[in-house]
Amino acid sequence: MVEVSDYDPKWTINGRTKRNFKEVCKLLEKSNEEFGKKFNLKTNYTSHIIQDELINICADVVKEIIVKNIEDVEVFGIMCDEARCYKQEQMALCVRYVKNLDVVERFLGFIDCSKNQDAESLYQYILWYLKKCKLSSKPQIVAQSYDGTNVMSGKFNGLQNKIKSQYPYAIYTHCMAHKMILIVLDMCKYVKETRHVFNTLESLYIHFSHPSKNQKLIEIQTKLGIKYTFMIRLSDTRWNCRYRNIESVKASYKAIIQALEEEIENEDDRGVNEAIGILTNLKSGRFIVYLFILHKVLININIVANKFQEKLKRQEPHNLKHFDTTATTSAEQNINDTSETIEDYFRKNAFFPVFDTILINLKKRFSAKSLQIATAVDQFIQLNFEESLFFVDHYKDLMNVSKEVLQSEIEGAKNCILQSTDKKNITLNHVKKVLTKQTFPNLYKLFQVALTIPISSSTFQVVNRLTSQATKSLIPNFQIVWTSGQLKMK
């Protein structure tokens, strides 16, 4: 991305001041004759003031289309997350709604909440912004999704409860994919050796971030016939960064060791002491054992997290059908067995503690109560009436739906699907093929609500990454246009 802003970065060649935007335009005119004619006119609208105004106009048009789509369906969900920029505390607000039974997630804007970040203040900020976007009257909020902090998710004084006081049908969900990463973070917090492994991986990432060292590693990988893999910075919001780094080190272990050894032998860099420390950790037997254990554990967590992020696909992943979460753990082993082998020792003192921590946090974060709405929505999408009553009872009054008529429509839709397919398991795509507003009005309305509930979403990660790609003055409207690039202008 070329940096272009109100304060267009300038640079100098042969005493002449250059600016990014103008230089890009000059480059473009060489390959686009029509653009060149307009650019060389006396009035070419390249002033930063006009460019900012064009972006603002585009953002307003995009927001109008989003609001119009929400008004047509009359229900939507909101998703908020922190999006700090420079010294300003911001909240990214996204909306989720359905258009022709297709889920649409759109970034609506940033809300400045630098003054206060308590639940009441955030609540007032959101209501103000929705009113500003003309979304505070007829359309109903039926779902809300935030992170798991007390300010956002508190049952009595959290933001979700205050939103419910204004929109009583706005059920709160904590993104399932985010829960999975919290389980990994908890494991790193409570198991000392895993912290040691990830600290070493972070040091390794920083060490090879230097261009010359990274280039040397690539050359060694090529010479050894190892496929080039790269590490990424560890983050508490990137779902699979820990798994990717472990997989990268495991695949390139030989090349990394050789690169560090050559650097130490040459002693031509001030980072030799750092290289010695990293090499010592990498060659440690305990590090290698934990590297393989974590790879085995995280590969399954990565599958589940990716599955949660697959929008509109709610089938059980085949990879996990035989995954046993009730395995015997170290708590049930005889710790006084003096004849244990090295394999037994690491199984008891390395694998079981990691696995125990994962199991405990899975049960805590994915309790039956926390999964109640997700389970009911899944069952509703599969057209199982009795199993989805928790969802149906919650929204039937809002959508003016009769349970008796709905049950009949579900049976009718199910029969239509079963007549057209040999498969017994009904999926979302099967339902969308037969479901119409005219034939199944009650089922259609509740289906729109079911798809609006953000059981899992990766929208925030996209939005937060963008905060570093635009300058402060253009962030709000530039990113509305950028993130809505797929929005069809009709």
Protein backbone atom coordinates (compact mmCIF):
# COMPACT_ATOMS: atom_id res chain seq x y z
CA MET A 1 0.00 0.00 0.00
CA VAL A 2 1.37 3.43 -0.94
CA GLU A 3 1.09 5.94 1.86
CA VAL A 4 -1.16 8.79 0.77
CA SER A 5 -2.75 11.23 3.19
CA ASP A 6 -3.53 14.85 4.06
CA TYR A 7 0.17 15.15 4.86
CA ASP A 8 1.42 13.30 1.79
CA PRO A 9 4.97 12.11 2.63
CA LYS A 10 7.54 14.05 0.68
CA TRP A 11 11.06 13.20 -0.41
CA THR A 12 13.72 14.94 -2.49
CA ILE A 13 15.61 13.97 -5.65
CA ASN A 14 18.07 16.40 -7.30
CA GLY A 15 16.73 19.25 -5.18
CA ARG A 16 13.10 18.69 -6.25
CA THR A 17 10.44 17.79 -3.69
CA LYS A 18 8.40 14.71 -4.62
CA ARG A 19 5.14 13.41 -3.14
CA ASN A 20 3.91 9.83 -3.24
CA PHE A 21 0.44 10.45 -4.61
CA LYS A 22 1.54 12.71 -7.46
CA GLU A 23 4.39 10.38 -8.41
CA VAL A 24 2.01 7.38 -8.53
CA CYS A 25 -0.30 9.39 -10.81
CA LYS A 26 2.61 10.20 -13.12
CA LEU A 27 3.54 6.52 -13.26
CA LEU A 28 -0.05 5.53 -14.01
CA GLU A 29 -0.42 8.02 -16.87
CA LYS A 30 2.36 6.23 -18.75
CA SER A 31 0.27 3.06 -19.06
CA ASN A 32 -3.24 4.55 -19.12
CA GLU A 33 -3.81 7.10 -21.87
CA GLU A 34 -7.29 8.12 -20.71
CA PHE A 35 -6.05 8.72 -17.17
CA GLY A 36 -3.10 10.70 -18.53
CA LYS A 37 -5.41 13.09 -20.41
CA LYS A 38 -7.44 13.84 -17.27
CA PHE A 39 -4.37 14.08 -15.04
CA ASN A 40 -2.71 16.68 -17.28
CA LEU A 41 -5.76 18.94 -17.35
CA LYS A 42 -5.54 22.21 -15.47
CA THR A 43 -8.22 20.95 -13.05
CA ASN A 44 -7.41 17.33 -12.20
CA TYR A 45 -8.81 17.01 -8.62
CA THR A 46 -5.54 15.71 -7.16
CA SER A 47 -5.55 18.13 -4.24
CA HIS A 48 -5.43 16.28 -0.90
CA ILE A 49 -8.50 18.27 0.20
CA ILE A 50 -10.54 17.00 -2.77
CA GLN A 51 -9.19 13.46 -2.38
CA ASP A 52 -10.24 13.45 1.29
CA GLU A 53 -13.68 14.71 0.32
CA LEU A 54 -14.06 11.96 -2.32
CA ILE A 55 -13.17 9.33 0.29
CA ASN A 56 -15.70 10.82 2.71
CA ILE A 57 -18.41 10.79 0.04
CA CYS A 58 -17.64 7.15 -0.82
CA ALA A 59 -17.80 6.22 2.88
CA ASP A 60 -21.18 7.93 3.26
CA VAL A 61 -22.54 6.06 0.24
CA VAL A 62 -21.27 2.73 1.60
CA LYS A 63 -22.83 3.40 5.01
CA GLU A 64 -26.14 4.32 3.38
CA ILE A 65 -26.17 1.01 1.51
CA ILE A 66 -25.36 -0.91 4.72
CA VAL A 67 -28.16 0.87 6.61
CA LYS A 68 -30.61 0.28 3.75
CA ASN A 69 -29.80 -3.46 3.72
CA ILE A 70 -30.30 -3.67 7.49
CA GLU A 71 -33.61 -1.81 7.28
CA ASP A 72 -34.81 -4.30 4.67
CA VAL A 73 -34.15 -7.29 6.94
CA GLU A 74 -35.06 -5.37 10.16
CA VAL A 75 -32.60 -7.29 12.39
CA PHE A 76 -28.83 -7.12 12.80
CA GLY A 77 -26.03 -7.97 15.19
CA ILE A 78 -23.24 -5.76 16.50
CA MET A 79 -19.61 -6.72 17.14
CA CYS A 80 -17.19 -4.45 18.99
CA ASP A 81 -13.52 -4.68 19.77
CA GLU A 82 -10.68 -2.45 20.89
CA ALA A 83 -8.80 -0.73 18.06
CA ARG A 84 -6.23 1.57 19.64
CA CYS A 85 -4.61 4.08 17.28
CA TYR A 86 -1.64 6.19 18.32
CA LYS A 87 -2.60 7.68 21.71
CA GLN A 88 -6.31 7.51 20.96
CA GLU A 89 -8.48 4.76 22.44
CA GLN A 90 -10.95 3.58 19.82
CA MET A 91 -13.65 0.97 19.51
CA ALA A 92 -14.22 -0.75 16.17
CA LEU A 93 -17.93 -1.30 15.48
CA CYS A 94 -19.01 -3.93 12.96
CA VAL A 95 -22.49 -5.07 12.01
CA ARG A 96 -23.71 -8.45 10.88
CA TYR A 97 -26.89 -9.00 8.91
CA VAL A 98 -28.38 -11.25 6.26
CA LYS A 99 -29.10 -10.49 2.63
CA ASN A 100 -30.88 -13.19 0.62
CA LEU A 101 -29.86 -15.70 3.33
CA ASP A 102 -26.20 -14.82 2.83
CA VAL A 103 -24.32 -13.54 5.86
CA VAL A 104 -22.86 -10.04 5.47
CA GLU A 105 -20.35 -8.54 7.92
CA ARG A 106 -19.47 -4.88 7.50
CA PHE A 107 -17.20 -2.45 9.30
CA LEU A 108 -19.33 0.53 10.30
CA GLY A 109 -16.73 2.81 11.87
CA PHE A 110 -14.42 3.69 14.73
CA ILE A 111 -15.80 5.27 17.89
CA ASP A 112 -13.50 7.48 19.94
CA CYS A 113 -13.74 6.36 23.56
CA SER A 114 -10.56 7.97 24.90
CA LYS A 115 -12.33 9.75 27.78
CA ASN A 116 -13.87 6.68 29.43
CA GLN A 117 -13.83 2.95 28.79
CA ASP A 118 -16.29 1.78 31.47
CA ALA A 119 -19.39 -0.19 30.45
CA GLU A 120 -21.82 2.74 30.79
CA SER A 121 -19.65 5.02 28.64
CA LEU A 122 -19.16 2.37 25.94
CA TYR A 123 -22.93 1.77 25.97
CA GLN A 124 -23.64 5.47 25.42
CA TYR A 125 -20.98 5.68 22.68
CA ILE A 126 -22.58 2.78 20.77
CA LEU A 127 -26.13 4.18 21.08
CA TRP A 128 -24.88 7.56 19.88
CA TYR A 129 -23.12 6.07 16.88
CA LEU A 130 -26.09 3.89 15.91
CA LYS A 131 -28.32 6.95 16.10
CA LYS A 132 -25.83 8.86 13.95
CA CYS A 133 -26.03 6.06 11.36
CA LYS A 134 -29.87 6.05 11.61
CA LEU A 135 -29.92 2.52 13.03
CA SER A 136 -31.47 3.25 16.42
CA SER A 137 -35.18 3.18 15.57
CA LYS A 138 -36.84 0.36 13.62
CA PRO A 139 -34.07 -2.25 13.08
CA GLN A 140 -33.63 -4.47 16.15
CA ILE A 141 -30.32 -5.68 17.53
CA VAL A 142 -30.73 -9.44 17.98
CA ALA A 143 -27.12 -10.37 18.78
CA GLN A 144 -23.98 -8.83 20.23
CA SER A 145 -20.45 -10.18 20.34
CA TYR A 146 -17.42 -8.89 22.25
CA ASP A 147 -14.38 -10.30 24.00
CA GLY A 148 -14.65 -11.96 27.41
CA THR A 149 -13.55 -9.08 29.67
CA ASN A 150 -15.84 -8.11 32.55
CA VAL A 151 -16.45 -4.63 31.11
CA MET A 152 -17.86 -6.16 27.93
CA SER A 153 -19.38 -9.48 29.03
CA GLY A 154 -20.37 -8.79 32.66
CA LYS A 155 -23.76 -10.34 33.42
CA PHE A 156 -25.02 -7.49 35.62
CA ASN A 157 -22.97 -4.37 34.85
CA GLY A 158 -21.22 -5.27 31.60
CA LEU A 159 -21.82 -3.70 28.21
CA GLN A 160 -23.82 -6.71 27.02
CA ASN A 161 -26.33 -6.28 29.87
CA LYS A 162 -26.75 -2.55 29.19
CA ILE A 163 -27.36 -3.21 25.49
CA LYS A 164 -29.98 -5.78 26.51
CA SER A 165 -31.79 -3.15 28.58
CA GLN A 166 -32.38 -1.21 25.35
CA TYR A 167 -32.62 -4.21 23.00
CA PRO A 168 -33.97 -7.15 25.08
CA TYR A 169 -33.49 -9.71 22.30
CA ALA A 170 -29.79 -8.91 21.81
CA ILE A 171 -28.31 -12.19 23.03
CA TYR A 172 -24.58 -12.10 23.85
CA THR A 173 -22.08 -14.53 22.38
CA HIS A 174 -18.35 -14.78 22.86
CA CYS A 175 -16.65 -15.64 19.56
CA MET A 176 -15.86 -19.38 19.60
CA ALA A 177 -12.59 -18.97 17.70
CA HIS A 178 -11.46 -16.39 20.26
CA LYS A 179 -12.21 -18.88 23.04
CA MET A 180 -9.87 -21.36 21.40
CA ILE A 181 -6.95 -18.94 21.45
CA LEU A 182 -7.68 -18.13 25.10
CA ILE A 183 -7.31 -21.83 25.87
CA VAL A 184 -3.84 -21.80 24.30
CA LEU A 185 -2.93 -18.63 26.23
CA ASP A 186 -4.07 -20.24 29.48
CA MET A 187 -1.87 -23.24 28.75
CA CYS A 188 1.13 -20.94 28.25
CA LYS A 189 0.29 -19.19 31.51
CA TYR A 190 0.04 -22.27 33.73
CA VAL A 191 2.59 -24.68 32.19
CA LYS A 192 6.09 -23.31 32.76
CA GLU A 193 7.85 -25.28 30.02
CA THR A 194 5.43 -24.09 27.33
CA ARG A 195 6.21 -20.49 28.29
CA HIS A 196 9.90 -21.32 27.86
CA VAL A 197 9.26 -22.77 24.37
CA PHE A 198 7.26 -19.78 23.15
CA ASN A 199 9.73 -17.28 24.65
CA THR A 200 12.47 -19.03 22.69
CA LEU A 201 10.37 -18.91 19.51
CA GLU A 202 9.76 -15.19 20.01
CA SER A 203 13.51 -14.60 20.45
CA LEU A 204 14.13 -16.63 17.31
CA TYR A 205 11.64 -14.52 15.36
CA ILE A 206 13.28 -11.27 16.51
CA HIS A 207 16.76 -12.58 15.79
CA PHE A 208 15.99 -13.54 12.18
CA SER A 209 13.97 -10.37 11.55
CA HIS A 210 17.28 -8.76 10.60
CA PRO A 211 17.36 -8.81 6.75
CA SER A 212 20.92 -10.19 6.41
CA LYS A 213 20.31 -12.99 8.93
CA ASN A 214 17.01 -13.87 7.34
CA GLN A 215 18.63 -13.99 3.89
CA LYS A 216 21.35 -16.30 5.24
CA LEU A 217 18.69 -18.63 6.69
CA ILE A 218 16.88 -18.73 3.34
CA GLU A 219 20.12 -19.63 1.55
CA ILE A 220 20.77 -22.50 3.98
CA GLN A 221 17.18 -23.74 3.61
CA THR A 222 17.59 -23.75 -0.18
CA LYS A 223 20.95 -25.55 0.03
CA LEU A 224 19.48 -28.25 2.31
CA GLY A 225 16.40 -28.64 0.10
CA ILE A 226 14.07 -27.41 2.86
CA LYS A 227 10.95 -25.53 1.79
CA TYR A 228 11.15 -21.89 2.85
CA THR A 229 8.98 -21.17 5.87
CA PHE A 230 8.84 -17.99 7.91
CA MET A 231 7.88 -17.19 11.47
CA ILE A 232 5.43 -14.51 12.59
CA ARG A 233 5.33 -12.43 15.74
CA LEU A 234 3.41 -14.04 18.60
CA SER A 235 0.12 -12.30 19.26
CA ASP A 236 -2.78 -12.77 21.65
CA THR A 237 -5.28 -12.12 18.84
CA ARG A 238 -3.91 -14.20 15.97
CA TRP A 239 -5.54 -17.58 16.23
CA ASN A 240 -2.78 -19.77 14.78
CA CYS A 241 0.48 -17.84 15.26
CA ARG A 242 1.81 -20.26 17.89
CA TYR A 243 0.98 -23.31 15.81
CA ARG A 244 2.52 -21.78 12.68
CA ASN A 245 5.74 -20.90 14.48
CA ILE A 246 6.09 -24.36 15.99
CA GLU A 247 5.45 -25.95 12.60
CA SER A 248 7.99 -23.60 10.96
CA VAL A 249 10.74 -24.36 13.50
CA LYS A 250 10.02 -28.09 13.35
CA ALA A 251 10.31 -28.07 9.54
CA SER A 252 13.41 -25.84 9.39
CA TYR A 253 15.15 -27.00 12.57
CA LYS A 254 18.31 -28.21 10.81
CA ALA A 255 18.67 -24.99 8.79
CA ILE A 256 18.11 -22.78 11.86
CA ILE A 257 20.75 -24.67 13.87
CA GLN A 258 23.26 -24.38 11.00
CA ALA A 259 22.56 -20.65 10.55
CA LEU A 260 23.09 -19.95 14.25
CA GLU A 261 26.27 -22.07 14.39
CA GLU A 262 27.78 -20.26 11.39
CA GLU A 263 26.90 -16.87 12.90
CA ILE A 264 28.60 -17.82 16.18
CA GLU A 265 31.64 -19.22 14.39
CA ASN A 266 32.13 -16.08 12.28
CA GLU A 267 31.60 -13.74 15.26
CA ASP A 268 30.95 -10.85 12.89
CA ASP A 269 27.87 -9.49 14.63
CA ARG A 270 27.07 -7.97 17.99
CA GLY A 271 24.19 -10.42 18.33
CA VAL A 272 26.49 -13.42 18.83
CA ASN A 273 25.61 -13.70 22.53
CA GLU A 274 21.94 -13.72 21.60
CA ALA A 275 22.58 -16.44 19.02
CA ILE A 276 24.44 -18.55 21.62
CA GLY A 277 21.50 -18.31 24.04
CA ILE A 278 18.94 -19.25 21.38
CA LEU A 279 21.09 -22.13 20.10
CA THR A 280 21.49 -23.51 23.63
CA ASN A 281 17.72 -23.50 24.13
CA LEU A 282 17.03 -25.06 20.73
CA LYS A 283 19.44 -27.94 21.38
CA SER A 284 17.95 -28.65 24.80
CA GLY A 285 16.31 -32.07 24.98
CA ARG A 286 13.35 -30.70 26.95
CA PHE A 287 12.77 -28.00 24.32
CA ILE A 288 12.69 -30.58 21.52
CA VAL A 289 10.28 -32.85 23.42
CA TYR A 290 7.91 -29.96 24.18
CA LEU A 291 8.16 -28.76 20.59
CA PHE A 292 6.80 -32.11 19.37
CA ILE A 293 4.16 -32.29 22.13
CA LEU A 294 2.88 -28.76 21.43
CA HIS A 295 2.82 -29.46 17.70
CA LYS A 296 0.66 -32.53 18.32
CA VAL A 297 -1.73 -30.65 20.62
CA LEU A 298 -1.94 -27.38 18.68
CA ILE A 299 -2.56 -29.06 15.33
CA ASN A 300 -5.92 -30.25 16.70
CA ILE A 301 -6.73 -26.88 18.27
CA ASN A 302 -5.83 -25.20 14.98
CA ILE A 303 -8.29 -27.46 13.13
CA VAL A 304 -11.08 -26.54 15.56
CA ALA A 305 -10.26 -22.80 15.46
CA ASN A 306 -10.25 -22.82 11.65
CA LYS A 307 -13.52 -24.71 11.66
CA PHE A 308 -15.10 -22.06 13.86
CA GLN A 309 -13.98 -19.38 11.42
CA GLU A 310 -15.53 -21.12 8.42
CA LYS A 311 -18.60 -19.01 7.96
CA LEU A 312 -21.90 -20.80 7.35
CA LYS A 313 -20.36 -24.28 7.65
CA ARG A 314 -21.50 -25.94 10.86
CA GLN A 315 -20.70 -29.59 10.28
CA GLU A 316 -18.43 -31.60 12.53
CA PRO A 317 -14.91 -31.72 11.07
CA HIS A 318 -14.00 -35.23 9.96
CA ASN A 319 -10.49 -34.71 11.37
CA LEU A 320 -11.89 -34.72 14.93
CA LYS A 321 -14.26 -37.69 14.80
CA HIS A 322 -11.82 -39.94 16.62
CA PHE A 323 -10.32 -37.25 18.87
CA ASP A 324 -10.63 -38.48 22.45
CA THR A 325 -11.03 -35.74 25.07
CA THR A 326 -11.43 -38.16 28.00
CA ALA A 327 -7.95 -39.65 27.92
CA THR A 328 -6.29 -40.73 31.14
CA THR A 329 -4.22 -37.89 32.54
CA SER A 330 -1.35 -37.56 34.97
CA ALA A 331 -3.74 -37.27 37.88
CA GLU A 332 -4.49 -40.98 37.51
CA GLN A 333 -0.95 -42.24 37.03
CA ASN A 334 1.27 -43.93 39.59
CA ILE A 335 3.90 -41.24 40.15
CA ASN A 336 6.03 -43.52 42.37
CA ASP A 337 6.87 -45.97 39.61
CA THR A 338 10.68 -46.15 39.72
CA SER A 339 10.97 -48.33 36.61
CA GLU A 340 9.60 -45.72 34.22
CA THR A 341 11.32 -45.13 30.89
CA ILE A 342 12.27 -41.76 29.42
CA GLU A 343 9.13 -41.96 27.30
CA ASP A 344 7.02 -42.58 30.43
CA TYR A 345 8.71 -39.68 32.21
CA PHE A 346 7.94 -37.15 29.48
CA ARG A 347 4.45 -38.54 28.99
CA LYS A 348 3.73 -37.95 32.70
CA ASN A 349 5.67 -34.72 33.23
CA ALA A 350 5.29 -33.02 29.84
CA PHE A 351 2.38 -34.30 27.75
CA PHE A 352 -0.15 -34.87 30.55
CA PRO A 353 0.24 -31.41 32.18
CA VAL A 354 -0.25 -29.73 28.79
CA PHE A 355 -3.19 -31.98 27.95
CA ASP A 356 -4.73 -31.53 31.43
CA THR A 357 -4.62 -27.75 31.09
CA ILE A 358 -6.24 -27.92 27.65
CA LEU A 359 -9.04 -30.21 28.90
CA ILE A 360 -9.77 -28.13 31.99
CA ASN A 361 -10.04 -24.92 29.97
CA LEU A 362 -12.12 -26.59 27.26
CA LYS A 363 -14.66 -27.60 29.89
CA LYS A 364 -14.58 -24.15 31.50
CA ARG A 365 -14.87 -22.06 28.34
CA PHE A 366 -17.16 -24.42 26.42
CA SER A 367 -19.60 -25.33 29.18
CA ALA A 368 -23.09 -26.56 28.28
CA LYS A 369 -24.55 -23.22 29.40
CA SER A 370 -22.18 -21.13 27.25
CA LEU A 371 -22.93 -23.32 24.22
CA GLN A 372 -26.71 -23.24 24.68
CA ILE A 373 -27.47 -20.66 22.00
CA ALA A 374 -24.83 -22.04 19.60
CA THR A 375 -26.24 -25.55 19.92
CA ALA A 376 -29.80 -24.34 19.45
CA VAL A 377 -28.85 -22.35 16.33
CA ASP A 378 -27.07 -25.39 14.87
CA GLN A 379 -30.10 -27.55 15.49
CA PHE A 380 -32.41 -24.95 13.95
CA ILE A 381 -30.30 -24.77 10.80
CA GLN A 382 -30.56 -28.57 10.58
CA LEU A 383 -34.37 -28.15 10.93
CA ASN A 384 -34.63 -29.97 14.27
CA PHE A 385 -37.56 -28.22 15.93
CA GLU A 386 -37.53 -29.72 19.43
CA GLU A 387 -33.75 -29.34 19.88
CA SER A 388 -33.86 -25.66 18.80
CA LEU A 389 -36.64 -24.49 21.14
CA PHE A 390 -34.25 -22.35 23.21
CA PHE A 391 -33.56 -20.27 20.11
CA VAL A 392 -37.17 -20.31 18.87
CA ASP A 393 -38.66 -19.27 22.22
CA HIS A 394 -36.21 -16.39 22.53
CA TYR A 395 -37.04 -14.76 19.20
CA LYS A 396 -40.60 -15.88 18.30
CA ASP A 397 -42.32 -12.82 19.83
CA LEU A 398 -39.92 -10.35 18.21
CA MET A 399 -40.44 -11.87 14.78
CA ASN A 400 -44.18 -12.51 15.34
CA VAL A 401 -43.79 -16.22 14.67
CA SER A 402 -46.31 -18.92 15.61
CA LYS A 403 -44.60 -22.02 17.02
CA GLU A 404 -47.29 -24.33 15.65
CA VAL A 405 -47.05 -22.88 12.15
CA LEU A 406 -43.26 -22.84 12.38
CA GLN A 407 -43.18 -26.54 13.27
CA SER A 408 -45.34 -27.33 10.26
CA GLU A 409 -43.12 -25.24 7.98
CA ILE A 410 -40.00 -26.99 9.30
CA GLU A 411 -41.52 -30.40 8.55
CA GLY A 412 -42.52 -29.22 5.08
CA ALA A 413 -39.06 -27.85 4.30
CA LYS A 414 -37.43 -30.99 5.66
CA ASN A 415 -39.58 -33.20 3.43
CA CYS A 416 -38.72 -31.08 0.37
CA ILE A 417 -35.00 -31.45 1.12
CA LEU A 418 -35.11 -35.19 1.80
CA GLN A 419 -36.97 -35.78 -1.47
CA SER A 420 -34.24 -34.01 -3.43
CA THR A 421 -31.18 -35.56 -1.75
CA ASP A 422 -30.07 -38.95 -0.49
CA LYS A 423 -28.20 -37.49 2.49
CA LYS A 424 -29.82 -37.69 5.91
CA ASN A 425 -27.84 -34.77 7.38
CA ILE A 426 -29.41 -31.44 6.41
CA THR A 427 -26.96 -28.60 5.82
CA LEU A 428 -27.38 -24.87 5.36
CA ASN A 429 -26.99 -25.13 1.59
CA HIS A 430 -29.80 -27.70 1.44
CA VAL A 431 -32.13 -25.37 3.33
CA LYS A 432 -31.26 -22.30 1.24
CA LYS A 433 -32.26 -24.13 -1.94
CA VAL A 434 -35.86 -24.69 -0.79
CA LEU A 435 -36.46 -21.81 1.61
CA THR A 436 -38.45 -18.87 0.24
CA LYS A 437 -40.20 -16.02 2.03
CA GLN A 438 -43.49 -16.74 0.27
CA THR A 439 -43.66 -20.49 0.99
CA PHE A 440 -42.14 -20.59 4.49
CA PRO A 441 -42.59 -17.07 5.95
CA ASN A 442 -42.11 -17.97 9.63
CA LEU A 443 -39.11 -20.23 9.00
CA TYR A 444 -37.56 -17.64 6.69
CA LYS A 445 -37.76 -14.86 9.31
CA LEU A 446 -36.19 -16.97 12.06
CA PHE A 447 -33.56 -18.25 9.65
CA GLN A 448 -32.47 -14.68 9.05
CA VAL A 449 -32.09 -14.22 12.80
CA ALA A 450 -30.17 -17.50 13.20
CA LEU A 451 -27.62 -16.46 10.59
CA THR A 452 -27.28 -13.02 12.16
CA ILE A 453 -25.98 -14.40 15.46
CA PRO A 454 -22.15 -14.15 15.32
CA ILE A 455 -21.18 -17.54 16.74
CA SER A 456 -17.75 -17.04 15.18
CA SER A 457 -16.21 -14.20 13.25
CA SER A 458 -12.79 -12.94 12.19
CA THR A 459 -13.94 -9.47 11.17
CA PHE A 460 -12.17 -7.73 14.05
CA GLN A 461 -8.79 -9.11 13.10
CA VAL A 462 -9.18 -7.64 9.62
CA VAL A 463 -10.27 -4.28 11.02
CA ASN A 464 -7.50 -4.08 13.62
CA ARG A 465 -4.79 -4.89 11.07
CA LEU A 466 -6.04 -2.00 8.96
CA THR A 467 -5.40 0.55 11.71
CA SER A 468 -1.69 0.34 10.89
CA GLN A 469 -2.26 0.77 7.16
CA ALA A 470 -3.89 4.20 7.09
CA THR A 471 -2.98 7.49 8.66
CA LYS A 472 -4.89 8.82 11.64
CA SER A 473 -6.81 11.46 9.69
CA LEU A 474 -8.15 8.97 7.12
CA ILE A 475 -8.75 5.88 9.27
CA PRO A 476 -12.55 6.15 9.82
CA ASN A 477 -13.81 6.75 6.28
CA PHE A 478 -10.95 5.22 4.31
CA GLN A 479 -11.39 1.90 6.08
CA ILE A 480 -15.18 1.88 5.66
CA VAL A 481 -14.57 2.02 1.91
CA TRP A 482 -11.68 -0.46 2.02
CA THR A 483 -13.44 -3.13 4.09
CA SER A 484 -16.60 -2.87 2.04
CA GLY A 485 -14.89 -3.52 -1.28
CA GLN A 486 -17.14 -6.49 -1.96
CA LEU A 487 -20.32 -4.51 -1.41
CA LYS A 488 -22.29 -4.48 -4.67
CA MET A 489 -23.36 -1.02 -5.77
CA LYS A 490 -26.83 -1.34 -7.18
